[in-house]
Structure formats: structure tokens, C-alpha cells
Amino acid sequence: MSFKKLLVLLVATSAPAFAAAPSYVASFAAPTATAKLVSSERLWSCTGASCSAGGAATSPAKHICVRIAQEVGAVTAFQAKGKTFSAEEVAACNERAGHTATPAAAK
């Protein structure tokens, strides 16, 4: 086996070990209806009542929160690039997304 093939094989099998933590995490009061969706030019993976996505910050975090809330439903928690939104920021996100009240945090 050539060195190049060996290197490609090594990188391909090692990639999951080097995968970065998601850049964005949104939690909802109820499980989502879909496993994958595209919002704010990001591919979101959803499991249960939370969705996560990677990607560089091309838009302000508050805009990304609003878009996922419009797509999925009112958020109970939101994290962007390691910063957790305060209760006030979550409420503002939901209000901008057209949700009249912020649901209770998912347990």
C-alpha cells in the first residue's frame, strides 16, 4: 500500500475522533418532528427535543436563534459558540420568531 493511500485511510478513519463540538445548540419543549433540517445556512441534526449545528459565525447568534425558533418552535435554551443565552435572550428570540410566550425549560 502506498504512503498516500495509507495516509488517506488513516485520516478517513480518524476524522470522527477529531470532530468539533457543535457551534449551536437549541433545546425545545417537545421533541422535534425531523432528524435533519437546514436553517440559517446550517445543517441541523435533531435528537429528541434538541438540535445542534456546526459552522462559522456568519450571522449574529440572535438571528440564528430566531431562525431555528421559526423553523422548529419556541426554544427553551440556546447556546452559540459556547455562550448560553440568558432567560431574557431566549425570551427575545422567541418573541422575534413570533412566539408569544417562552415555554418552560425542558427537563
Protein backbone atom coordinates (compact mmCIF):
# COMPACT_ATOMS: atom_id res chain seq x y z
CA MET A 1 0.00 0.00 0.00
CA SER A 2 1.37 3.40 -0.94
CA PHE A 3 2.05 6.03 1.67
CA LYS A 4 -0.63 8.30 0.15
CA LYS A 5 -3.32 5.59 0.36
CA LEU A 6 -2.30 4.79 3.91
CA LEU A 7 -2.49 8.46 4.88
CA VAL A 8 -5.94 8.85 3.29
CA LEU A 9 -7.17 5.73 5.09
CA LEU A 10 -5.79 6.95 8.40
CA VAL A 11 -7.41 10.38 8.07
CA ALA A 12 -10.74 8.93 6.94
CA THR A 13 -10.98 6.57 9.90
CA SER A 14 -9.72 9.12 12.42
CA ALA A 15 -11.96 12.03 11.44
CA PRO A 16 -14.76 11.30 13.95
CA ALA A 17 -12.27 11.41 16.80
CA PHE A 18 -11.34 14.96 15.82
CA ALA A 19 -14.89 16.21 15.23
CA ALA A 20 -15.51 19.53 16.91
CA ALA A 21 -18.30 20.19 19.37
CA PRO A 22 -21.38 21.75 17.76
CA SER A 23 -21.28 25.51 17.38
CA TYR A 24 -25.00 25.94 18.05
CA VAL A 25 -27.41 24.02 20.28
CA ALA A 26 -31.14 24.72 20.59
CA SER A 27 -33.50 23.00 23.03
CA PHE A 28 -37.26 22.84 22.70
CA ALA A 29 -40.17 21.95 25.00
CA ALA A 30 -41.15 18.94 22.87
CA PRO A 31 -39.30 16.53 20.58
CA THR A 32 -38.70 17.82 17.07
CA ALA A 33 -40.57 16.32 14.13
CA THR A 34 -37.47 15.92 11.97
CA ALA A 35 -33.97 14.49 12.37
CA LYS A 36 -32.26 16.91 9.96
CA LEU A 37 -33.10 20.37 8.70
CA VAL A 38 -31.42 23.36 7.13
CA SER A 39 -31.79 26.72 8.86
CA SER A 40 -29.54 29.80 8.68
CA GLU A 41 -27.45 28.04 6.04
CA ARG A 42 -26.54 25.29 8.52
CA LEU A 43 -27.39 21.63 8.64
CA TRP A 44 -29.03 20.95 12.00
CA SER A 45 -29.18 17.45 13.47
CA CYS A 46 -32.03 16.89 15.87
CA THR A 47 -32.50 14.23 18.51
CA GLY A 48 -35.40 14.34 20.92
CA ALA A 49 -36.05 17.92 21.96
CA SER A 50 -32.73 19.42 20.87
CA CYS A 51 -30.95 20.31 17.64
CA SER A 52 -27.30 21.13 17.02
CA ALA A 53 -25.30 22.55 14.14
CA GLY A 54 -21.74 23.44 13.30
CA GLY A 55 -20.40 26.26 11.23
CA ALA A 56 -18.68 29.57 11.47
CA ALA A 57 -20.47 32.64 12.75
CA THR A 58 -21.68 34.33 9.57
CA SER A 59 -24.75 35.79 11.27
CA PRO A 60 -25.28 37.11 14.78
CA ALA A 61 -26.28 34.35 17.22
CA LYS A 62 -29.59 36.07 17.98
CA HIS A 63 -30.56 35.81 14.30
CA ILE A 64 -29.67 32.11 14.20
CA CYS A 65 -31.81 31.56 17.32
CA VAL A 66 -34.76 33.36 15.72
CA ARG A 67 -34.49 31.30 12.51
CA ILE A 68 -34.38 27.92 14.28
CA ALA A 69 -37.29 29.01 16.50
CA GLN A 70 -39.28 29.91 13.38
CA GLU A 71 -38.45 26.56 11.78
CA VAL A 72 -38.94 24.23 14.78
CA GLY A 73 -40.80 26.07 17.54
CA ALA A 74 -40.14 28.15 20.63
CA VAL A 75 -36.75 27.46 22.17
CA THR A 76 -36.29 26.73 25.86
CA ALA A 77 -32.49 27.17 25.73
CA PHE A 78 -29.95 28.28 23.14
CA GLN A 79 -26.17 28.12 23.04
CA ALA A 80 -23.93 29.74 20.43
CA LYS A 81 -20.17 29.23 20.28
CA GLY A 82 -20.06 28.18 23.94
CA LYS A 83 -22.20 31.08 25.21
CA THR A 84 -25.52 30.14 26.78
CA PHE A 85 -28.32 32.62 26.21
CA SER A 86 -29.87 34.15 29.33
CA ALA A 87 -33.59 33.76 30.02
CA GLU A 88 -34.09 37.29 28.68
CA GLU A 89 -32.22 36.48 25.45
CA VAL A 90 -34.27 33.29 24.96
CA ALA A 91 -37.49 35.26 25.52
CA ALA A 92 -36.39 37.90 22.99
CA CYS A 93 -35.52 35.17 20.48
CA ASN A 94 -38.94 33.59 20.82
CA GLU A 95 -40.70 36.94 20.60
CA ARG A 96 -38.84 37.85 17.39
CA ALA A 97 -39.71 34.41 15.99
CA GLY A 98 -43.40 35.09 16.56
CA HIS A 99 -43.93 33.02 19.69
CA THR A 100 -45.97 34.87 22.28
CA ALA A 101 -44.68 33.08 25.38
CA THR A 102 -41.49 31.24 26.19
CA PRO A 103 -42.20 27.61 27.13
CA ALA A 104 -40.88 26.19 30.39
CA ALA A 105 -37.37 24.79 30.15
CA ALA A 106 -37.23 21.16 29.03
CA LYS A 107 -36.47 18.80 31.86
